[in-house]
């Protein structure tokens, strides 16, 4: 029985130490991320990214053939719905 209790106490100690190590690592990681975020924000103010302006996309106009295909598809779908 004593051996069992020693094993349980060792398991609890290892669990607590492991959880404390993970908690410490996560805390350090949060602080490191906050510091990195502050550094990046400062650098973005100091050296702003270049904005590249592009021409707006031209609208594609439909040709007569594309309109005819659209009408044909619409009429086929209408015929299928009505059952004729």
N, C-alpha and C. Protein backbone atom coordinates (compact mmCIF):
# COMPACT_ATOMS: atom_id res chain seq x y z
N UNK A 1 0.83 -1.19 0.00
CA UNK A 1 0.00 0.00 0.00
C UNK A 1 0.87 1.25 0.00
N UNK A 2 1.97 1.18 0.72
CA UNK A 2 2.87 2.33 0.79
C UNK A 2 3.47 2.63 -0.58
N UNK A 3 3.78 1.58 -1.33
CA UNK A 3 4.34 1.74 -2.67
C UNK A 3 3.33 2.44 -3.59
N UNK A 4 2.05 2.07 -3.43
CA UNK A 4 0.98 2.68 -4.23
C UNK A 4 0.85 4.17 -3.92
N UNK A 5 0.90 4.53 -2.64
CA UNK A 5 0.78 5.94 -2.25
C UNK A 5 1.98 6.74 -2.73
N UNK A 6 3.16 6.14 -2.70
CA UNK A 6 4.35 6.83 -3.24
C UNK A 6 4.21 7.07 -4.74
N UNK A 7 3.68 6.09 -5.44
CA UNK A 7 3.49 6.24 -6.88
C UNK A 7 2.47 7.33 -7.19
N UNK A 8 1.39 7.36 -6.40
CA UNK A 8 0.37 8.41 -6.60
C UNK A 8 0.95 9.77 -6.30
N UNK A 9 1.70 9.92 -5.21
CA UNK A 9 2.27 11.23 -4.86
C UNK A 9 3.29 11.65 -5.91
N UNK A 10 4.08 10.71 -6.42
CA UNK A 10 5.02 11.06 -7.49
C UNK A 10 4.27 11.50 -8.75
N UNK A 11 3.18 10.84 -9.06
CA UNK A 11 2.38 11.22 -10.22
C UNK A 11 1.78 12.61 -10.08
N UNK A 12 1.30 12.92 -8.89
CA UNK A 12 0.72 14.24 -8.64
C UNK A 12 1.80 15.31 -8.74
N UNK A 13 2.98 15.04 -8.18
CA UNK A 13 4.08 16.01 -8.25
C UNK A 13 4.49 16.25 -9.70
N UNK A 14 4.60 15.18 -10.49
CA UNK A 14 4.98 15.33 -11.90
C UNK A 14 3.90 16.11 -12.65
N UNK A 15 2.65 15.84 -12.35
CA UNK A 15 1.55 16.55 -13.01
C UNK A 15 1.58 18.04 -12.69
N UNK A 16 1.76 18.37 -11.42
CA UNK A 16 1.78 19.78 -11.01
C UNK A 16 2.98 20.50 -11.63
N UNK A 17 4.15 19.86 -11.60
CA UNK A 17 5.34 20.47 -12.19
C UNK A 17 5.15 20.67 -13.69
N UNK A 18 4.58 19.68 -14.35
CA UNK A 18 4.32 19.81 -15.79
C UNK A 18 3.36 20.93 -16.11
N UNK A 19 2.30 21.04 -15.32
CA UNK A 19 1.34 22.12 -15.54
C UNK A 19 1.96 23.49 -15.29
N UNK A 20 2.82 23.59 -14.27
CA UNK A 20 3.49 24.86 -13.99
C UNK A 20 4.45 25.23 -15.12
N UNK A 21 5.14 24.24 -15.67
CA UNK A 21 6.05 24.51 -16.79
C UNK A 21 5.27 25.01 -18.00
N UNK A 22 4.16 24.36 -18.31
CA UNK A 22 3.33 24.79 -19.45
C UNK A 22 2.76 26.18 -19.20
N UNK A 23 2.29 26.45 -17.98
CA UNK A 23 1.75 27.77 -17.66
C UNK A 23 2.83 28.84 -17.80
N UNK A 24 4.03 28.56 -17.30
CA UNK A 24 5.14 29.53 -17.42
C UNK A 24 5.48 29.77 -18.88
N UNK A 25 5.53 28.70 -19.68
CA UNK A 25 5.84 28.87 -21.10
C UNK A 25 4.78 29.70 -21.80
N UNK A 26 3.50 29.42 -21.54
CA UNK A 26 2.43 30.19 -22.18
C UNK A 26 2.45 31.65 -21.75
N UNK A 27 2.77 31.92 -20.48
CA UNK A 27 2.87 33.30 -20.01
C UNK A 27 4.00 34.03 -20.72
N UNK A 28 5.16 33.39 -20.82
CA UNK A 28 6.30 33.99 -21.52
C UNK A 28 5.95 34.22 -22.98
N UNK A 29 5.23 33.28 -23.60
CA UNK A 29 4.87 33.41 -25.00
C UNK A 29 3.92 34.59 -25.22
N UNK A 30 2.97 34.80 -24.30
CA UNK A 30 2.04 35.93 -24.43
C UNK A 30 2.80 37.25 -24.33
N UNK A 31 3.72 37.35 -23.38
CA UNK A 31 4.51 38.57 -23.26
C UNK A 31 5.38 38.79 -24.50
N UNK A 32 5.97 37.73 -25.02
CA UNK A 32 6.80 37.86 -26.22
C UNK A 32 5.96 38.30 -27.41
N UNK A 33 4.74 37.78 -27.53
CA UNK A 33 3.88 38.18 -28.64
C UNK A 33 3.46 39.64 -28.51
N UNK A 34 3.18 40.09 -27.28
CA UNK A 34 2.81 41.50 -27.08
C UNK A 34 3.99 42.42 -27.41
N UNK A 35 5.18 42.04 -26.99
CA UNK A 35 6.36 42.85 -27.30
C UNK A 35 6.61 42.88 -28.80
N UNK A 36 6.48 41.72 -29.46
CA UNK A 36 6.67 41.67 -30.90
C UNK A 36 5.63 42.52 -31.62
N UNK A 37 4.39 42.49 -31.15
CA UNK A 37 3.34 43.31 -31.74
C UNK A 37 3.66 44.79 -31.60
N UNK A 38 4.16 45.19 -30.45
CA UNK A 38 4.53 46.60 -30.25
C UNK A 38 5.68 47.00 -31.17
N UNK A 39 6.65 46.12 -31.33
CA UNK A 39 7.79 46.42 -32.22
C UNK A 39 7.32 46.55 -33.66
N UNK A 40 6.46 45.65 -34.10
CA UNK A 40 5.96 45.71 -35.48
C UNK A 40 5.12 46.96 -35.69
N UNK A 41 4.30 47.34 -34.73
CA UNK A 41 3.49 48.56 -34.86
C UNK A 41 4.39 49.78 -34.96
N UNK A 42 5.45 49.82 -34.16
CA UNK A 42 6.39 50.94 -34.22
C UNK A 42 7.08 50.98 -35.58
N UNK A 43 7.51 49.83 -36.06
CA UNK A 43 8.19 49.79 -37.36
C UNK A 43 7.25 50.16 -38.50
N UNK A 44 5.96 49.80 -38.39
CA UNK A 44 5.00 50.19 -39.42
C UNK A 44 4.78 51.69 -39.44
N UNK A 45 4.86 52.33 -38.27
CA UNK A 45 4.75 53.79 -38.24
C UNK A 45 6.01 54.43 -38.81
N UNK A 46 7.15 53.86 -38.48
CA UNK A 46 8.43 54.42 -38.93
C UNK A 46 8.65 54.19 -40.42
N UNK A 47 8.32 53.00 -40.90
CA UNK A 47 8.49 52.64 -42.31
C UNK A 47 7.17 52.10 -42.84
N UNK A 48 6.25 53.00 -43.25
CA UNK A 48 4.94 52.52 -43.71
C UNK A 48 5.07 51.73 -45.01
N UNK A 49 4.20 50.74 -45.20
CA UNK A 49 4.27 49.96 -46.43
C UNK A 49 3.84 50.80 -47.64
N UNK A 50 4.44 50.51 -48.78
CA UNK A 50 4.10 51.25 -49.99
C UNK A 50 2.75 50.78 -50.50
N UNK A 51 1.93 51.74 -50.94
CA UNK A 51 0.61 51.42 -51.47
C UNK A 51 0.72 51.42 -52.99
N UNK A 52 0.36 50.32 -53.58
CA UNK A 52 0.41 50.21 -55.04
C UNK A 52 -1.00 50.40 -55.57
N UNK A 53 -1.17 51.42 -56.40
CA UNK A 53 -2.49 51.69 -56.97
C UNK A 53 -2.62 50.93 -58.28
N UNK A 54 -3.76 50.30 -58.44
CA UNK A 54 -4.01 49.57 -59.68
C UNK A 54 -5.22 50.17 -60.36
N UNK A 55 -5.27 50.00 -61.67
CA UNK A 55 -6.41 50.50 -62.43
C UNK A 55 -7.62 49.60 -62.15
N UNK A 56 -8.80 50.19 -62.08
CA UNK A 56 -9.98 49.36 -61.83
C UNK A 56 -10.21 48.40 -62.99
N UNK A 57 -10.75 47.25 -62.68
CA UNK A 57 -11.00 46.23 -63.70
C UNK A 57 -12.10 46.70 -64.63
N UNK A 58 -11.90 46.42 -65.90
CA UNK A 58 -12.90 46.81 -66.89
C UNK A 58 -14.03 45.80 -66.88
N UNK A 59 -15.24 46.31 -67.06
CA UNK A 59 -16.38 45.42 -67.13
C UNK A 59 -16.40 44.75 -68.49
N UNK A 60 -16.65 43.47 -68.47
CA UNK A 60 -16.71 42.73 -69.72
C UNK A 60 -18.13 42.84 -70.25
N UNK A 61 -18.26 43.32 -71.46
CA UNK A 61 -19.58 43.43 -72.05
C UNK A 61 -19.92 42.13 -72.75
N UNK A 62 -21.16 41.78 -72.69
CA UNK A 62 -21.59 40.54 -73.32
C UNK A 62 -21.76 40.77 -74.82
N UNK A 63 -21.31 39.82 -75.56
CA UNK A 63 -21.50 39.89 -77.00
C UNK A 63 -22.86 39.31 -77.34
N UNK A 64 -23.28 39.45 -78.55
CA UNK A 64 -24.56 38.92 -78.96
C UNK A 64 -24.63 37.42 -78.80
N UNK A 65 -23.52 36.72 -79.06
CA UNK A 65 -23.50 35.26 -78.96
C UNK A 65 -23.71 34.82 -77.51
N UNK A 66 -23.07 35.50 -76.56
CA UNK A 66 -23.23 35.14 -75.15
C UNK A 66 -24.66 35.37 -74.68
N UNK A 67 -25.29 36.43 -75.19
CA UNK A 67 -26.69 36.68 -74.83
C UNK A 67 -27.59 35.60 -75.39
N UNK A 68 -27.32 35.14 -76.59
CA UNK A 68 -28.12 34.09 -77.20
C UNK A 68 -27.99 32.78 -76.41
N UNK A 69 -26.78 32.47 -75.95
CA UNK A 69 -26.58 31.26 -75.15
C UNK A 69 -27.35 31.37 -73.84
N UNK A 70 -27.32 32.54 -73.21
CA UNK A 70 -28.04 32.74 -71.96
C UNK A 70 -29.54 32.58 -72.16
N UNK A 71 -30.06 33.11 -73.27
CA UNK A 71 -31.49 32.98 -73.56
C UNK A 71 -31.85 31.52 -73.80
N UNK A 72 -30.99 30.80 -74.53
CA UNK A 72 -31.27 29.39 -74.83
C UNK A 72 -31.28 28.57 -73.53
N UNK A 73 -30.34 28.81 -72.65
CA UNK A 73 -30.30 28.08 -71.38
C UNK A 73 -31.54 28.39 -70.55
N UNK A 74 -31.94 29.66 -70.51
CA UNK A 74 -33.11 30.04 -69.73
C UNK A 74 -34.37 29.39 -70.30
N UNK A 75 -34.48 29.32 -71.60
CA UNK A 75 -35.68 28.72 -72.19
C UNK A 75 -35.71 27.21 -71.94
N UNK A 76 -34.55 26.54 -71.99
CA UNK A 76 -34.49 25.10 -71.71
C UNK A 76 -34.89 24.83 -70.26
N UNK A 77 -34.37 25.64 -69.33
CA UNK A 77 -34.74 25.47 -67.93
C UNK A 77 -36.24 25.71 -67.72
N UNK A 78 -36.79 26.67 -68.42
CA UNK A 78 -38.22 26.97 -68.29
C UNK A 78 -39.05 25.79 -68.82
N UNK A 79 -38.62 25.22 -69.94
CA UNK A 79 -39.33 24.07 -70.49
C UNK A 79 -39.26 22.87 -69.56
N UNK A 80 -38.11 22.67 -68.91
CA UNK A 80 -37.97 21.54 -68.00
C UNK A 80 -38.85 21.72 -66.77
N UNK A 81 -39.00 22.95 -66.30
CA UNK A 81 -39.82 23.20 -65.13
C UNK A 81 -41.30 23.00 -65.43
N UNK A 82 -41.72 23.44 -66.60
CA UNK A 82 -43.15 23.33 -66.94
C UNK A 82 -43.52 21.94 -67.38
N UNK A 83 -42.53 21.12 -67.80
CA UNK A 83 -42.80 19.73 -68.17
C UNK A 83 -43.24 19.57 -69.61
N UNK A 84 -42.98 20.52 -70.45
CA UNK A 84 -43.38 20.40 -71.87
C UNK A 84 -42.31 19.78 -72.69
